[in-house]
């Protein structure tokens, strides 16, 4: 039980604010969108 309480306390100390999590998630999604956009014409090359 003591280890679980210590883990919970350390998790609370290292959590990020929700705005930061949102900005990071948005950045990851934009990066994936750019990768997808970069390969948009690969299906037409071998026809």
PDB file of N, CA and C in Angstrom:
ATOM      1  N   UNK A   1       0.825  -1.192   0.000  1.00  0.00           N
ATOM      2  CA  UNK A   1       0.000   0.000   0.000  1.00  0.00           C
ATOM      3  C   UNK A   1       0.868   1.254   0.000  1.00  0.00           C
ATOM      4  N   UNK A   2       1.956   1.211   0.734  1.00  0.00           N
ATOM      5  CA  UNK A   2       2.833   2.369   0.822  1.00  0.00           C
ATOM      6  C   UNK A   2       3.443   2.699  -0.541  1.00  0.00           C
ATOM      7  N   UNK A   3       3.823   1.678  -1.303  1.00  0.00           N
ATOM      8  CA  UNK A   3       4.410   1.905  -2.623  1.00  0.00           C
ATOM      9  C   UNK A   3       3.390   2.541  -3.564  1.00  0.00           C
ATOM     10  N   UNK A   4       2.132   2.132  -3.443  1.00  0.00           N
ATOM     11  CA  UNK A   4       1.089   2.707  -4.291  1.00  0.00           C
ATOM     12  C   UNK A   4       0.893   4.188  -3.972  1.00  0.00           C
ATOM     13  N   UNK A   5       0.950   4.547  -2.702  1.00  0.00           N
ATOM     14  CA  UNK A   5       0.806   5.955  -2.326  1.00  0.00           C
ATOM     15  C   UNK A   5       1.980   6.785  -2.821  1.00  0.00           C
ATOM     16  N   UNK A   6       3.187   6.223  -2.738  1.00  0.00           N
ATOM     17  CA  UNK A   6       4.360   6.939  -3.240  1.00  0.00           C
ATOM     18  C   UNK A   6       4.285   7.130  -4.755  1.00  0.00           C
ATOM     19  N   UNK A   7       3.809   6.106  -5.454  1.00  0.00           N
ATOM     20  CA  UNK A   7       3.679   6.220  -6.902  1.00  0.00           C
ATOM     21  C   UNK A   7       2.634   7.268  -7.270  1.00  0.00           C
ATOM     22  N   UNK A   8       1.555   7.335  -6.522  1.00  0.00           N
ATOM     23  CA  UNK A   8       0.512   8.319  -6.794  1.00  0.00           C
ATOM     24  C   UNK A   8       1.031   9.734  -6.540  1.00  0.00           C
ATOM     25  N   UNK A   9       1.800   9.909  -5.497  1.00  0.00           N
ATOM     26  CA  UNK A   9       2.357  11.228  -5.203  1.00  0.00           C
ATOM     27  C   UNK A   9       3.343  11.672  -6.271  1.00  0.00           C
ATOM     28  N   UNK A  10       4.176  10.756  -6.738  1.00  0.00           N
ATOM     29  CA  UNK A  10       5.141  11.135  -7.760  1.00  0.00           C
ATOM     30  C   UNK A  10       4.441  11.393  -9.092  1.00  0.00           C
ATOM     31  N   UNK A  11       3.349  10.698  -9.367  1.00  0.00           N
ATOM     32  CA  UNK A  11       2.609  10.932 -10.610  1.00  0.00           C
ATOM     33  C   UNK A  11       1.949  12.306 -10.581  1.00  0.00           C
ATOM     34  N   UNK A  12       1.453  12.707  -9.437  1.00  0.00           N
ATOM     35  CA  UNK A  12       0.837  14.026  -9.327  1.00  0.00           C
ATOM     36  C   UNK A  12       1.861  15.141  -9.498  1.00  0.00           C
ATOM     37  N   UNK A  13       3.075  14.901  -9.084  1.00  0.00           N
ATOM     38  CA  UNK A  13       4.107  15.926  -9.161  1.00  0.00           C
ATOM     39  C   UNK A  13       4.619  16.111 -10.588  1.00  0.00           C
ATOM     40  N   UNK A  14       4.466  15.099 -11.436  1.00  0.00           N
ATOM     41  CA  UNK A  14       5.032  15.186 -12.783  1.00  0.00           C
ATOM     42  C   UNK A  14       3.977  15.372 -13.867  1.00  0.00           C
ATOM     43  N   UNK A  15       2.727  15.521 -13.504  1.00  0.00           N
ATOM     44  CA  UNK A  15       1.701  15.699 -14.535  1.00  0.00           C
ATOM     45  C   UNK A  15       1.789  17.085 -15.146  1.00  0.00           C
ATOM     46  N   UNK A  16       1.434  17.164 -16.416  1.00  0.00           N
ATOM     47  CA  UNK A  16       1.465  18.435 -17.139  1.00  0.00           C
ATOM     48  C   UNK A  16       0.082  19.067 -17.108  1.00  0.00           C
ATOM     49  N   UNK A  17       0.030  20.370 -17.243  1.00  0.00           N
ATOM     50  CA  UNK A  17      -1.275  21.028 -17.334  1.00  0.00           C
ATOM     51  C   UNK A  17      -2.024  20.558 -18.589  1.00  0.00           C
ATOM     52  N   UNK A  18      -3.343  20.554 -18.552  1.00  0.00           N
ATOM     53  CA  UNK A  18      -4.114  20.076 -19.702  1.00  0.00           C
ATOM     54  C   UNK A  18      -3.838  20.862 -20.987  1.00  0.00           C
ATOM     55  N   UNK A  19      -3.546  22.136 -20.878  1.00  0.00           N
ATOM     56  CA  UNK A  19      -3.258  22.928 -22.072  1.00  0.00           C
ATOM     57  C   UNK A  19      -1.981  22.439 -22.756  1.00  0.00           C
ATOM     58  N   UNK A  20      -0.990  22.068 -21.979  1.00  0.00           N
ATOM     59  CA  UNK A  20       0.269  21.574 -22.545  1.00  0.00           C
ATOM     60  C   UNK A  20       0.039  20.233 -23.231  1.00  0.00           C
ATOM     61  N   UNK A  21      -0.739  19.363 -22.607  1.00  0.00           N
ATOM     62  CA  UNK A  21      -1.042  18.062 -23.202  1.00  0.00           C
ATOM     63  C   UNK A  21      -1.782  18.264 -24.519  1.00  0.00           C
ATOM     64  N   UNK A  22      -2.710  19.206 -24.549  1.00  0.00           N
ATOM     65  CA  UNK A  22      -3.444  19.492 -25.778  1.00  0.00           C
ATOM     66  C   UNK A  22      -2.557  20.017 -26.887  1.00  0.00           C
ATOM     67  N   UNK A  23      -1.645  20.907 -26.558  1.00  0.00           N
ATOM     68  CA  UNK A  23      -0.736  21.465 -27.560  1.00  0.00           C
ATOM     69  C   UNK A  23       0.197  20.384 -28.094  1.00  0.00           C
ATOM     70  N   UNK A  24       0.687  19.530 -27.226  1.00  0.00           N
ATOM     71  CA  UNK A  24       1.566  18.439 -27.664  1.00  0.00           C
ATOM     72  C   UNK A  24       0.804  17.465 -28.562  1.00  0.00           C
ATOM     73  N   UNK A  25      -0.412  17.104 -28.171  1.00  0.00           N
ATOM     74  CA  UNK A  25      -1.223  16.200 -28.988  1.00  0.00           C
ATOM     75  C   UNK A  25      -1.530  16.828 -30.345  1.00  0.00           C
ATOM     76  N   UNK A  26      -1.851  18.114 -30.363  1.00  0.00           N
ATOM     77  CA  UNK A  26      -2.122  18.803 -31.616  1.00  0.00           C
ATOM     78  C   UNK A  26      -0.880  18.817 -32.507  1.00  0.00           C
ATOM     79  N   UNK A  27       0.274  19.047 -31.916  1.00  0.00           N
ATOM     80  CA  UNK A  27       1.519  19.042 -32.687  1.00  0.00           C
ATOM     81  C   UNK A  27       1.812  17.685 -33.301  1.00  0.00           C
ATOM     82  N   UNK A  28       1.553  16.623 -32.548  1.00  0.00           N
ATOM     83  CA  UNK A  28       1.762  15.274 -33.077  1.00  0.00           C
ATOM     84  C   UNK A  28       0.815  15.001 -34.235  1.00  0.00           C
ATOM     85  N   UNK A  29      -0.436  15.400 -34.090  1.00  0.00           N
ATOM     86  CA  UNK A  29      -1.403  15.182 -35.160  1.00  0.00           C
ATOM     87  C   UNK A  29      -1.062  15.990 -36.410  1.00  0.00           C
ATOM     88  N   UNK A  30      -0.581  17.200 -36.241  1.00  0.00           N
ATOM     89  CA  UNK A  30      -0.169  18.007 -37.390  1.00  0.00           C
ATOM     90  C   UNK A  30       1.040  17.373 -38.075  1.00  0.00           C
ATOM     91  N   UNK A  31       1.976  16.837 -37.300  1.00  0.00           N
ATOM     92  CA  UNK A  31       3.131  16.162 -37.887  1.00  0.00           C
ATOM     93  C   UNK A  31       2.692  14.939 -38.690  1.00  0.00           C
ATOM     94  N   UNK A  32       1.743  14.174 -38.168  1.00  0.00           N
ATOM     95  CA  UNK A  32       1.228  13.021 -38.909  1.00  0.00           C
ATOM     96  C   UNK A  32       0.489  13.462 -40.168  1.00  0.00           C
ATOM     97  N   UNK A  33      -0.212  14.568 -40.096  1.00  0.00           N
ATOM     98  CA  UNK A  33      -0.888  15.100 -41.276  1.00  0.00           C
ATOM     99  C   UNK A  33       0.127  15.493 -42.349  1.00  0.00           C
ATOM    100  N   UNK A  34       1.224  16.100 -41.952  1.00  0.00           N
ATOM    101  CA  UNK A  34       2.248  16.486 -42.916  1.00  0.00           C
ATOM    102  C   UNK A  34       2.906  15.274 -43.558  1.00  0.00           C
ATOM    103  N   UNK A  35       3.129  14.224 -42.780  1.00  0.00           N
ATOM    104  CA  UNK A  35       3.686  12.990 -43.342  1.00  0.00           C
ATOM    105  C   UNK A  35       2.713  12.396 -44.347  1.00  0.00           C
ATOM    106  N   UNK A  36       1.438  12.361 -44.005  1.00  0.00           N
ATOM    107  CA  UNK A  36       0.429  11.842 -44.920  1.00  0.00           C
ATOM    108  C   UNK A  36       0.370  12.693 -46.183  1.00  0.00           C
ATOM    109  N   UNK A  37       0.434  13.994 -46.045  1.00  0.00           N
ATOM    110  CA  UNK A  37       0.384  14.902 -47.190  1.00  0.00           C
ATOM    111  C   UNK A  37       1.614  14.730 -48.088  1.00  0.00           C
ATOM    112  N   UNK A  38       2.745  14.408 -47.501  1.00  0.00           N
ATOM    113  CA  UNK A  38       3.965  14.233 -48.277  1.00  0.00           C
ATOM    114  C   UNK A  38       3.867  13.034 -49.209  1.00  0.00           C
ATOM    115  N   UNK A  39       3.096  12.016 -48.832  1.00  0.00           N
ATOM    116  CA  UNK A  39       2.973  10.806 -49.635  1.00  0.00           C
ATOM    117  C   UNK A  39       1.664  10.761 -50.416  1.00  0.00           C
ATOM    118  N   UNK A  40       1.064  11.907 -50.699  1.00  0.00           N
ATOM    119  CA  UNK A  40      -0.254  11.934 -51.335  1.00  0.00           C
ATOM    120  C   UNK A  40      -0.238  11.455 -52.782  1.00  0.00           C
ATOM    121  N   UNK A  41       0.883  11.547 -53.477  1.00  0.00           N
ATOM    122  CA  UNK A  41       0.903  11.205 -54.895  1.00  0.00           C
ATOM    123  C   UNK A  41       1.604   9.878 -55.175  1.00  0.00           C
ATOM    124  N   UNK A  42       1.912   9.100 -54.178  1.00  0.00           N
ATOM    125  CA  UNK A  42       2.654   7.859 -54.430  1.00  0.00           C
ATOM    126  C   UNK A  42       1.799   6.808 -55.124  1.00  0.00           C
ATOM    127  N   UNK A  43       0.483   6.889 -55.036  1.00  0.00           N
ATOM    128  CA  UNK A  43      -0.365   5.912 -55.701  1.00  0.00           C
ATOM    129  C   UNK A  43      -0.442   6.114 -57.195  1.00  0.00           C
ATOM    130  N   UNK A  44      -0.063   7.282 -57.691  1.00  0.00           N
ATOM    131  CA  UNK A  44      -0.166   7.587 -59.121  1.00  0.00           C
ATOM    132  C   UNK A  44       1.147   7.367 -59.864  1.00  0.00           C
ATOM    133  N   UNK A  45       2.196   7.050 -59.176  1.00  0.00           N
ATOM    134  CA  UNK A  45       3.510   6.959 -59.828  1.00  0.00           C
ATOM    135  C   UNK A  45       3.660   5.721 -60.702  1.00  0.00           C
ATOM    136  N   UNK A  46       3.065   4.615 -60.316  1.00  0.00           N
ATOM    137  CA  UNK A  46       3.327   3.358 -61.003  1.00  0.00           C
ATOM    138  C   UNK A  46       2.194   2.942 -61.933  1.00  0.00           C
ATOM    139  N   UNK A  47       1.551   3.873 -62.542  1.00  0.00           N
ATOM    140  CA  UNK A  47       0.451   3.516 -63.441  1.00  0.00           C
ATOM    141  C   UNK A  47       0.832   3.781 -64.874  1.00  0.00           C
TER     142      UNK A  47
END
